[in-house]
N, C-alpha and C. Protein backbone atom coordinates (compact mmCIF):
# COMPACT_ATOMS: atom_id res chain seq x y z
N MET A 1 -14.47 -21.29 -3.32
CA MET A 1 -14.75 -20.61 -2.32
C MET A 1 -15.72 -19.61 -3.63
N LYS A 2 -16.35 -18.31 -3.26
CA LYS A 2 -17.33 -17.62 -4.77
C LYS A 2 -16.59 -16.46 -4.62
N THR A 3 -16.05 -15.70 -5.48
CA THR A 3 -15.03 -14.73 -5.57
C THR A 3 -15.84 -13.53 -4.40
N HIS A 4 -14.98 -13.39 -4.04
CA HIS A 4 -14.83 -12.33 -3.39
C HIS A 4 -13.93 -11.07 -4.07
N CYS A 5 -14.64 -10.17 -4.11
CA CYS A 5 -13.91 -8.75 -4.05
C CYS A 5 -14.21 -7.76 -3.26
N GLU A 6 -13.10 -6.93 -2.58
CA GLU A 6 -13.43 -5.56 -2.10
C GLU A 6 -12.70 -4.11 -2.18
N LYS A 7 -12.78 -3.39 -1.58
CA LYS A 7 -12.35 -2.22 -1.99
C LYS A 7 -11.24 -1.63 -1.03
N PHE A 8 -9.77 -1.77 -0.85
CA PHE A 8 -9.35 -0.99 0.23
C PHE A 8 -9.38 0.37 0.04
N THR A 9 -9.91 0.31 1.69
CA THR A 9 -10.32 2.08 1.88
C THR A 9 -9.10 2.55 3.31
N VAL A 10 -8.72 3.56 3.27
CA VAL A 10 -7.89 4.38 3.62
C VAL A 10 -8.26 4.66 5.42
N GLY A 11 -9.27 5.25 5.24
CA GLY A 11 -9.97 5.21 7.11
C GLY A 11 -10.53 6.83 6.90
N ARG A 12 -10.59 7.14 7.33
CA ARG A 12 -11.83 8.63 7.72
C ARG A 12 -10.09 9.47 8.26
N MET A 13 -9.29 9.06 9.47
CA MET A 13 -8.19 9.59 9.73
C MET A 13 -7.00 9.84 8.80
N GLY A 14 -6.65 8.88 7.52
CA GLY A 14 -6.02 8.69 6.43
C GLY A 14 -6.37 9.49 5.29
N THR A 15 -8.09 10.11 5.24
CA THR A 15 -8.17 10.80 4.65
C THR A 15 -8.06 11.95 4.57
N VAL A 16 -8.63 12.92 5.57
CA VAL A 16 -8.42 14.17 6.43
C VAL A 16 -6.74 14.31 6.29
N THR A 17 -5.81 13.93 6.98
CA THR A 17 -4.28 13.45 6.76
C THR A 17 -3.66 14.09 4.89
N SER A 18 -5.01 12.98 4.10
CA SER A 18 -4.14 13.67 2.62
C SER A 18 -4.93 14.32 2.06
N ILE A 19 -5.54 15.02 2.54
CA ILE A 19 -6.40 15.78 1.65
C ILE A 19 -6.41 17.09 2.54
N LEU A 20 -5.30 17.75 4.22
CA LEU A 20 -4.81 18.41 4.58
C LEU A 20 -2.73 18.88 3.67
N LEU A 21 -2.32 16.93 4.31
CA LEU A 21 -1.00 17.24 3.24
C LEU A 21 -0.97 18.16 2.25
N ILE A 22 -1.79 17.32 1.34
CA ILE A 22 -1.31 17.94 -0.08
C ILE A 22 -2.46 19.33 -0.87
N ALA A 23 -3.33 19.94 0.50
CA ALA A 23 -3.71 21.05 -0.12
C ALA A 23 -2.61 22.21 0.25
N LEU A 24 -1.33 21.98 1.88
CA LEU A 24 -0.61 22.14 2.21
C LEU A 24 0.90 23.06 1.15
N LEU A 25 0.76 21.40 0.41
CA LEU A 25 1.91 21.74 -0.19
C LEU A 25 1.58 22.66 -1.29
N VAL A 26 0.21 22.43 -1.97
CA VAL A 26 -0.72 23.03 -3.54
C VAL A 26 -0.26 24.99 -2.59
N TYR A 27 -0.44 25.16 -1.38
CA TYR A 27 -0.62 26.55 -1.02
C TYR A 27 0.83 27.11 -1.21
N GLY A 28 1.84 25.78 -0.96
CA GLY A 28 3.23 26.07 -0.95
C GLY A 28 3.79 26.29 -1.66
N ALA A 29 3.41 25.62 -2.80
CA ALA A 29 3.86 25.19 -4.17
C ALA A 29 4.24 26.91 -5.39
N ILE A 30 2.55 27.22 -4.89
CA ILE A 30 2.02 28.81 -4.86
C ILE A 30 2.68 29.99 -4.33
N ALA A 31 2.60 29.34 -3.55
CA ALA A 31 3.70 30.96 -3.06
C ALA A 31 5.40 30.80 -3.10
N VAL A 32 6.09 29.34 -3.27
CA VAL A 32 7.24 29.95 -4.27
C VAL A 32 7.10 29.52 -5.57
N TRP A 33 6.25 29.81 -6.10
CA TRP A 33 6.29 29.46 -7.60
C TRP A 33 5.97 31.00 -7.64
N SER A 34 5.86 32.01 -7.14
CA SER A 34 5.07 33.69 -6.88
C SER A 34 6.50 34.66 -6.90
N ALA A 35 7.27 34.01 -5.78
CA ALA A 35 8.34 34.46 -5.45
C ALA A 35 9.33 33.74 -6.28
N GLY A 36 9.48 32.53 -6.77
CA GLY A 36 10.79 32.44 -8.39
C GLY A 36 11.42 31.51 -8.12
N MET A 37 11.37 31.02 -7.17
CA MET A 37 12.58 30.13 -5.79
C MET A 37 13.00 29.00 -6.79
N THR A 38 13.48 28.47 -8.02
CA THR A 38 13.47 27.56 -8.78
C THR A 38 14.21 26.48 -8.43
N ALA A 39 15.10 26.45 -7.36
CA ALA A 39 15.40 25.04 -6.57
C ALA A 39 14.68 24.52 -5.70
N VAL A 40 13.75 25.20 -5.17
CA VAL A 40 12.52 24.63 -4.47
C VAL A 40 11.34 24.10 -5.31
N ILE A 41 11.40 24.76 -6.79
CA ILE A 41 10.27 24.38 -7.51
C ILE A 41 10.44 23.31 -8.16
N VAL A 42 11.81 22.75 -8.70
CA VAL A 42 12.60 21.31 -9.30
C VAL A 42 11.34 20.65 -7.97
N THR A 43 11.89 20.82 -6.29
CA THR A 43 11.87 20.01 -5.55
C THR A 43 10.30 19.21 -5.46
N TYR A 44 9.31 20.93 -6.09
CA TYR A 44 7.99 20.38 -5.60
C TYR A 44 7.33 19.58 -7.29
N ILE A 45 8.45 19.85 -8.04
CA ILE A 45 7.92 19.02 -9.39
C ILE A 45 8.23 17.56 -9.27
N ILE A 46 9.45 17.13 -7.85
CA ILE A 46 9.97 15.66 -7.39
C ILE A 46 9.00 15.14 -6.84
N PHE A 47 8.29 15.98 -5.80
CA PHE A 47 7.61 15.84 -5.22
C PHE A 47 6.25 15.19 -5.83
N GLY A 48 5.62 16.39 -6.76
CA GLY A 48 4.52 15.63 -7.95
C GLY A 48 5.10 14.88 -8.40
N ILE A 49 5.71 13.74 -9.00
CA ILE A 49 6.16 13.01 -9.01
C ILE A 49 6.24 11.23 -8.60
N VAL A 50 6.80 11.99 -7.31
CA VAL A 50 6.85 10.65 -6.68
C VAL A 50 4.68 10.97 -6.24
N ALA A 51 4.24 11.26 -5.92
CA ALA A 51 2.96 11.96 -6.00
C ALA A 51 1.94 10.81 -6.32
N ILE A 52 2.10 10.96 -7.72
CA ILE A 52 1.71 10.52 -8.90
C ILE A 52 1.48 8.90 -8.62
N TRP A 53 3.27 8.41 -8.69
CA TRP A 53 3.78 7.43 -8.94
C TRP A 53 3.24 6.36 -7.85
N VAL A 54 2.76 6.78 -6.22
CA VAL A 54 1.83 7.02 -5.42
C VAL A 54 0.50 6.79 -5.70
N LEU A 55 -0.21 7.75 -5.90
CA LEU A 55 -1.05 7.25 -6.87
C LEU A 55 -1.29 6.30 -7.78
N LEU A 56 -0.85 6.08 -8.70
CA LEU A 56 -0.76 5.06 -9.41
C LEU A 56 -0.86 3.14 -9.78
N THR A 57 0.03 3.50 -7.99
CA THR A 57 1.12 1.95 -7.60
C THR A 57 -0.68 1.77 -6.32
N MET A 58 -1.54 2.47 -5.58
CA MET A 58 -1.88 1.80 -4.44
C MET A 58 -2.64 0.75 -5.03
N PRO A 59 -2.62 0.23 -4.29
CA PRO A 59 -3.77 -0.46 -3.98
C PRO A 59 -5.50 -0.44 -4.02
N ARG A 60 -6.23 -1.18 -5.71
CA ARG A 60 -7.51 -0.52 -4.99
C ARG A 60 -8.43 -1.35 -4.68
N TYR A 61 -8.34 -2.81 -4.95
CA TYR A 61 -9.10 -4.05 -5.04
C TYR A 61 -8.69 -4.81 -4.88
N LEU A 62 -9.06 -6.04 -3.68
CA LEU A 62 -8.79 -7.11 -3.32
C LEU A 62 -9.89 -8.49 -4.26
N LEU A 63 -8.91 -9.39 -4.93
CA LEU A 63 -10.09 -9.96 -5.52
C LEU A 63 -9.72 -11.77 -4.52
N LEU A 64 -10.72 -12.48 -4.43
CA LEU A 64 -10.22 -14.13 -4.30
C LEU A 64 -11.41 -14.41 -4.31
N ASP A 65 -10.28 -15.51 -5.44
CA ASP A 65 -10.66 -16.71 -5.57
C ASP A 65 -10.33 -18.29 -5.07
N ASP A 66 -11.34 -18.74 -6.21
CA ASP A 66 -10.42 -20.50 -5.74
C ASP A 66 -8.82 -20.25 -6.83
N LYS A 67 -8.47 -19.79 -7.40
CA LYS A 67 -7.48 -19.87 -7.90
C LYS A 67 -6.54 -18.72 -7.69
N SER A 68 -6.69 -17.96 -7.22
CA SER A 68 -5.61 -16.40 -7.29
C SER A 68 -6.05 -15.61 -6.51
N ILE A 69 -5.58 -14.68 -5.90
CA ILE A 69 -6.05 -13.71 -5.49
C ILE A 69 -5.12 -12.99 -5.67
N VAL A 70 -5.71 -10.96 -6.22
CA VAL A 70 -5.68 -10.99 -7.02
C VAL A 70 -6.04 -9.36 -6.58
N ILE A 71 -4.77 -8.49 -6.44
CA ILE A 71 -4.71 -7.06 -5.86
C ILE A 71 -4.50 -6.24 -7.40
N THR A 72 -6.14 -5.42 -7.53
CA THR A 72 -5.79 -4.71 -8.17
C THR A 72 -5.28 -2.79 -7.99
N HIS A 73 -4.45 -2.67 -8.71
CA HIS A 73 -3.53 -0.85 -8.96
C HIS A 73 -4.19 0.02 -9.95
N PRO A 74 -4.60 1.03 -10.30
CA PRO A 74 -4.67 1.85 -11.18
C PRO A 74 -3.47 1.47 -12.38
N ILE A 75 -3.16 1.15 -12.46
CA ILE A 75 -2.27 0.59 -13.58
C ILE A 75 -1.49 -0.11 -13.63
N GLY A 76 -2.28 -1.78 -13.72
CA GLY A 76 -1.83 -3.57 -12.91
C GLY A 76 -2.17 -3.79 -12.24
N GLN A 77 -1.42 -5.01 -11.95
CA GLN A 77 -2.21 -5.69 -11.17
C GLN A 77 -1.07 -6.69 -10.17
N THR A 78 -1.57 -7.14 -9.84
CA THR A 78 -0.55 -8.28 -8.70
C THR A 78 -1.21 -9.01 -8.58
N VAL A 79 -0.50 -10.97 -8.78
CA VAL A 79 -1.44 -12.06 -8.79
C VAL A 79 -0.79 -12.92 -8.13
N ILE A 80 -1.15 -13.70 -7.31
CA ILE A 80 -0.49 -15.07 -6.52
C ILE A 80 -1.61 -15.04 -6.59
N LEU A 81 -0.93 -16.12 -7.41
CA LEU A 81 -2.03 -18.12 -7.99
C LEU A 81 -1.77 -18.51 -6.67
N LYS A 82 -3.08 -19.40 -5.95
CA LYS A 82 -3.17 -20.05 -5.28
C LYS A 82 -1.97 -21.32 -5.09
N SER A 83 -1.41 -21.93 -6.09
CA SER A 83 -0.75 -22.95 -6.36
C SER A 83 0.65 -23.06 -5.69
N ASP A 84 1.12 -21.77 -5.89
CA ASP A 84 2.66 -21.04 -5.20
C ASP A 84 2.11 -20.76 -3.76
N ILE A 85 1.35 -20.32 -2.82
CA ILE A 85 1.82 -20.53 -1.58
C ILE A 85 1.16 -21.51 -0.23
N ILE A 86 2.08 -21.78 -0.35
CA ILE A 86 2.86 -22.67 0.84
C ILE A 86 2.36 -22.24 2.06
N GLU A 87 1.87 -21.58 2.86
CA GLU A 87 1.26 -20.78 3.64
C GLU A 87 0.55 -19.35 4.14
N VAL A 88 -0.35 -19.31 4.31
CA VAL A 88 -1.62 -18.31 4.73
C VAL A 88 -1.53 -18.78 6.43
N ARG A 89 -2.10 -17.36 6.93
CA ARG A 89 -2.07 -16.62 8.50
C ARG A 89 -2.38 -15.63 8.65
N ALA A 90 -3.14 -16.11 9.71
CA ALA A 90 -3.09 -14.12 10.26
C ALA A 90 -2.37 -13.39 11.43
N VAL A 91 -2.13 -12.38 10.82
CA VAL A 91 -0.98 -11.64 11.74
C VAL A 91 -1.21 -10.29 12.58
N GLU A 92 -0.69 -10.40 13.81
CA GLU A 92 -1.01 -9.04 14.65
C GLU A 92 -0.63 -7.95 14.36
N ARG A 93 -1.41 -6.67 14.58
CA ARG A 93 -0.28 -5.07 14.06
C ARG A 93 0.81 -5.46 14.60
N SER A 94 1.15 -6.18 15.63
CA SER A 94 1.91 -5.87 16.42
C SER A 94 3.47 -6.70 15.90
N GLU A 95 3.69 -7.69 15.12
CA GLU A 95 4.46 -8.30 13.93
C GLU A 95 5.23 -7.43 12.54
N LEU A 96 3.95 -6.45 13.10
CA LEU A 96 5.16 -5.45 12.02
C LEU A 96 5.69 -4.24 12.31
N LEU A 97 5.72 -4.03 14.03
CA LEU A 97 6.52 -3.18 14.56
C LEU A 97 7.86 -3.00 14.18
N GLY A 98 8.31 -1.93 14.13
CA GLY A 98 9.96 -2.19 14.20
C GLY A 98 10.57 -2.50 12.25
N SER A 99 9.15 -2.75 11.45
CA SER A 99 9.74 -2.75 10.23
C SER A 99 10.28 -0.76 9.73
N ILE A 100 10.77 -1.78 8.49
CA ILE A 100 11.83 -0.69 7.74
C ILE A 100 10.64 -0.42 5.77
N ARG A 101 10.67 1.03 5.68
CA ARG A 101 9.84 0.89 4.33
C ARG A 101 11.70 1.24 3.51
N LEU A 102 11.36 0.00 2.50
CA LEU A 102 12.16 -0.30 1.97
C LEU A 102 12.00 0.73 0.76
N PHE A 103 11.15 -0.02 0.73
CA PHE A 103 10.46 1.64 -1.06
C PHE A 103 8.82 1.25 -1.03
N GLY A 104 7.84 2.60 -1.29
CA GLY A 104 6.56 2.17 -0.66
C GLY A 104 5.86 3.82 0.08
N SER A 105 4.86 3.45 0.20
CA SER A 105 3.52 4.06 0.75
C SER A 105 3.97 3.35 3.10
N GLY A 106 4.15 4.35 3.64
CA GLY A 106 3.61 3.96 5.34
C GLY A 106 1.95 4.45 4.82
N GLY A 107 1.73 4.36 4.94
CA GLY A 107 0.40 5.26 5.94
C GLY A 107 -0.56 6.10 4.54
N PHE A 108 0.81 7.02 3.77
CA PHE A 108 -0.01 8.18 3.01
C PHE A 108 -0.99 7.57 1.80
N PHE A 109 -2.19 7.20 2.19
CA PHE A 109 -3.52 6.38 1.11
C PHE A 109 -3.24 4.71 1.44
N GLY A 110 -2.60 4.31 2.09
CA GLY A 110 -2.73 3.33 2.62
C GLY A 110 -1.65 3.06 2.93
N TRP A 111 -0.47 1.36 3.14
CA TRP A 111 0.25 0.55 3.31
C TRP A 111 1.03 0.02 2.88
N PHE A 112 1.66 0.08 1.50
CA PHE A 112 1.70 -0.65 0.19
C PHE A 112 3.50 -0.81 -0.08
N GLY A 113 3.71 -1.84 -0.21
CA GLY A 113 4.81 -1.49 -1.27
C GLY A 113 6.52 -2.27 -0.14
N ILE A 114 7.00 -2.17 -0.17
CA ILE A 114 8.54 -3.78 0.51
C ILE A 114 8.50 -2.77 1.37
N PHE A 115 8.95 -3.53 2.71
CA PHE A 115 9.09 -3.71 3.88
C PHE A 115 9.76 -4.64 4.36
N ARG A 116 11.06 -4.46 5.43
CA ARG A 116 11.41 -5.60 5.98
C ARG A 116 11.63 -4.93 7.72
N ASN A 117 11.63 -6.48 8.26
CA ASN A 117 11.56 -5.89 9.89
C ASN A 117 11.91 -7.73 10.45
N SER A 118 12.84 -7.39 11.49
CA SER A 118 13.23 -8.84 12.46
C SER A 118 11.95 -10.40 12.13
N LYS A 119 11.19 -9.87 12.08
CA LYS A 119 10.34 -11.73 12.08
C LYS A 119 9.74 -12.26 11.00
N LEU A 120 9.73 -10.85 10.97
CA LEU A 120 8.97 -11.59 8.75
C LEU A 120 9.92 -11.17 7.64
N GLY A 121 11.50 -10.32 8.37
CA GLY A 121 11.88 -10.31 6.93
C GLY A 121 11.71 -9.52 5.90
N VAL A 122 12.45 -9.97 4.51
CA VAL A 122 11.64 -8.77 3.18
C VAL A 122 10.36 -8.87 2.87
N TYR A 123 9.28 -8.70 2.91
CA TYR A 123 7.65 -8.12 2.63
C TYR A 123 7.27 -7.52 1.69
N ARG A 124 6.29 -8.01 1.29
CA ARG A 124 5.72 -6.80 0.36
C ARG A 124 3.96 -6.48 1.63
N ILE A 125 3.75 -5.60 1.11
CA ILE A 125 2.03 -5.12 2.00
C ILE A 125 1.58 -4.57 1.25
N TYR A 126 -0.03 -4.72 1.59
CA TYR A 126 -1.43 -4.19 1.41
C TYR A 126 -1.58 -4.30 1.73
N CYS A 127 -2.05 -3.25 2.38
CA CYS A 127 -3.08 -2.51 2.90
C CYS A 127 -4.23 -0.74 3.13
N GLY A 128 -4.99 -0.59 2.69
CA GLY A 128 -6.27 0.01 3.75
C GLY A 128 -5.65 0.71 4.71
N GLN A 129 -6.30 -0.54 5.41
CA GLN A 129 -5.76 0.54 6.62
C GLN A 129 -4.84 -1.18 7.51
N LEU A 130 -4.33 -0.96 9.00
CA LEU A 130 -3.75 -2.04 9.11
C LEU A 130 -4.68 -3.34 10.09
N GLU A 131 -5.38 -3.72 9.75
CA GLU A 131 -6.91 -4.28 10.09
C GLU A 131 -6.56 -5.23 9.50
N ASN A 132 -7.38 -6.32 9.96
CA ASN A 132 -7.80 -8.40 9.31
C ASN A 132 -6.51 -8.62 8.73
N LEU A 133 -5.39 -8.54 9.17
CA LEU A 133 -3.69 -8.63 8.15
C LEU A 133 -3.74 -10.38 8.23
N TYR A 134 -2.92 -10.65 6.61
CA TYR A 134 -3.03 -12.17 6.60
C TYR A 134 -1.82 -12.59 6.18
N LEU A 135 -0.98 -13.26 6.47
CA LEU A 135 0.70 -13.79 5.29
C LEU A 135 0.35 -14.31 4.94
N VAL A 136 0.47 -14.10 3.54
CA VAL A 136 0.31 -14.59 1.98
C VAL A 136 2.18 -15.37 2.15
N LYS A 137 2.63 -16.55 2.12
CA LYS A 137 3.75 -16.67 1.94
C LYS A 137 4.06 -17.95 0.13
N THR A 138 4.79 -17.69 -0.13
CA THR A 138 5.11 -17.66 -1.76
C THR A 138 6.10 -18.74 -1.08
N LEU A 139 6.73 -18.80 -2.40
CA LEU A 139 7.99 -20.53 -2.14
C LEU A 139 9.19 -18.64 -2.95
N THR A 140 8.99 -17.58 -3.35
CA THR A 140 9.76 -17.09 -3.51
C THR A 140 9.32 -15.27 -2.55
N LYS A 141 8.12 -14.77 -2.23
CA LYS A 141 8.27 -13.90 -1.55
C LYS A 141 6.67 -13.67 -0.22
N LYS A 142 6.94 -13.11 0.44
CA LYS A 142 6.09 -12.73 1.16
C LYS A 142 5.24 -11.50 1.39
N TYR A 143 3.93 -11.22 1.56
CA TYR A 143 3.38 -10.75 1.49
C TYR A 143 2.22 -10.64 2.87
N ILE A 144 1.65 -9.16 2.49
CA ILE A 144 1.39 -8.77 3.94
C ILE A 144 -0.36 -8.54 3.38
N ILE A 145 -1.77 -8.61 3.50
CA ILE A 145 -2.91 -8.19 1.90
C ILE A 145 -3.84 -8.03 3.54
N SER A 146 -3.99 -6.64 4.04
CA SER A 146 -5.74 -6.48 4.95
C SER A 146 -6.86 -7.66 4.10
N SER A 147 -7.90 -8.09 4.63
CA SER A 147 -9.14 -8.38 3.70
C SER A 147 -10.19 -8.72 5.09
N SER A 148 -11.06 -8.41 4.98
CA SER A 148 -12.49 -8.37 5.66
C SER A 148 -12.38 -9.65 5.94
N VAL A 149 -12.72 -10.90 4.94
CA VAL A 149 -12.79 -11.94 5.10
C VAL A 149 -11.47 -12.90 5.49
N PRO A 150 -11.37 -14.50 5.57
CA PRO A 150 -10.92 -14.80 6.11
C PRO A 150 -9.85 -15.36 4.42
N ILE A 151 -8.30 -15.81 4.14
CA ILE A 151 -7.89 -16.55 3.61
C ILE A 151 -7.13 -16.75 3.31
N GLU A 152 -7.91 -17.95 2.49
CA GLU A 152 -7.48 -19.48 2.59
C GLU A 152 -7.00 -20.12 1.82
N LEU A 153 -5.84 -20.48 2.05
CA LEU A 153 -5.61 -21.81 0.95
C LEU A 153 -6.82 -22.48 -0.26
């Protein structure tokens, strides 16, 4: 297999929603700052820290080659060695219904982080959009990854 690289994309609706949300929050922060409301300012600072974390950990690129699956983030990467993989299969979006976000983002700049549901158990998800989904299972972890090309062992 040749090396395949693709960029995770959020989609037009996700981008528009994220921009509108950020604009609303910036407007609110300016209004609160000018009113001198200290408790709300602290809340905005906490939200800002969380937003920066989301931007630094969101998946950017998916790299597939003969030996590994690599998901790159602005501050690091997640590497899944193909020798550690015990199962790969396509997943329908319906299998993710009822998932609970344990830690991560459920649509803000994509879907990534740690989730859990009754069908899959605990899994890590790295998706820009919930299309072309694959379950990649190792001995210790489960991953849901979106890819425009089939993920194979």
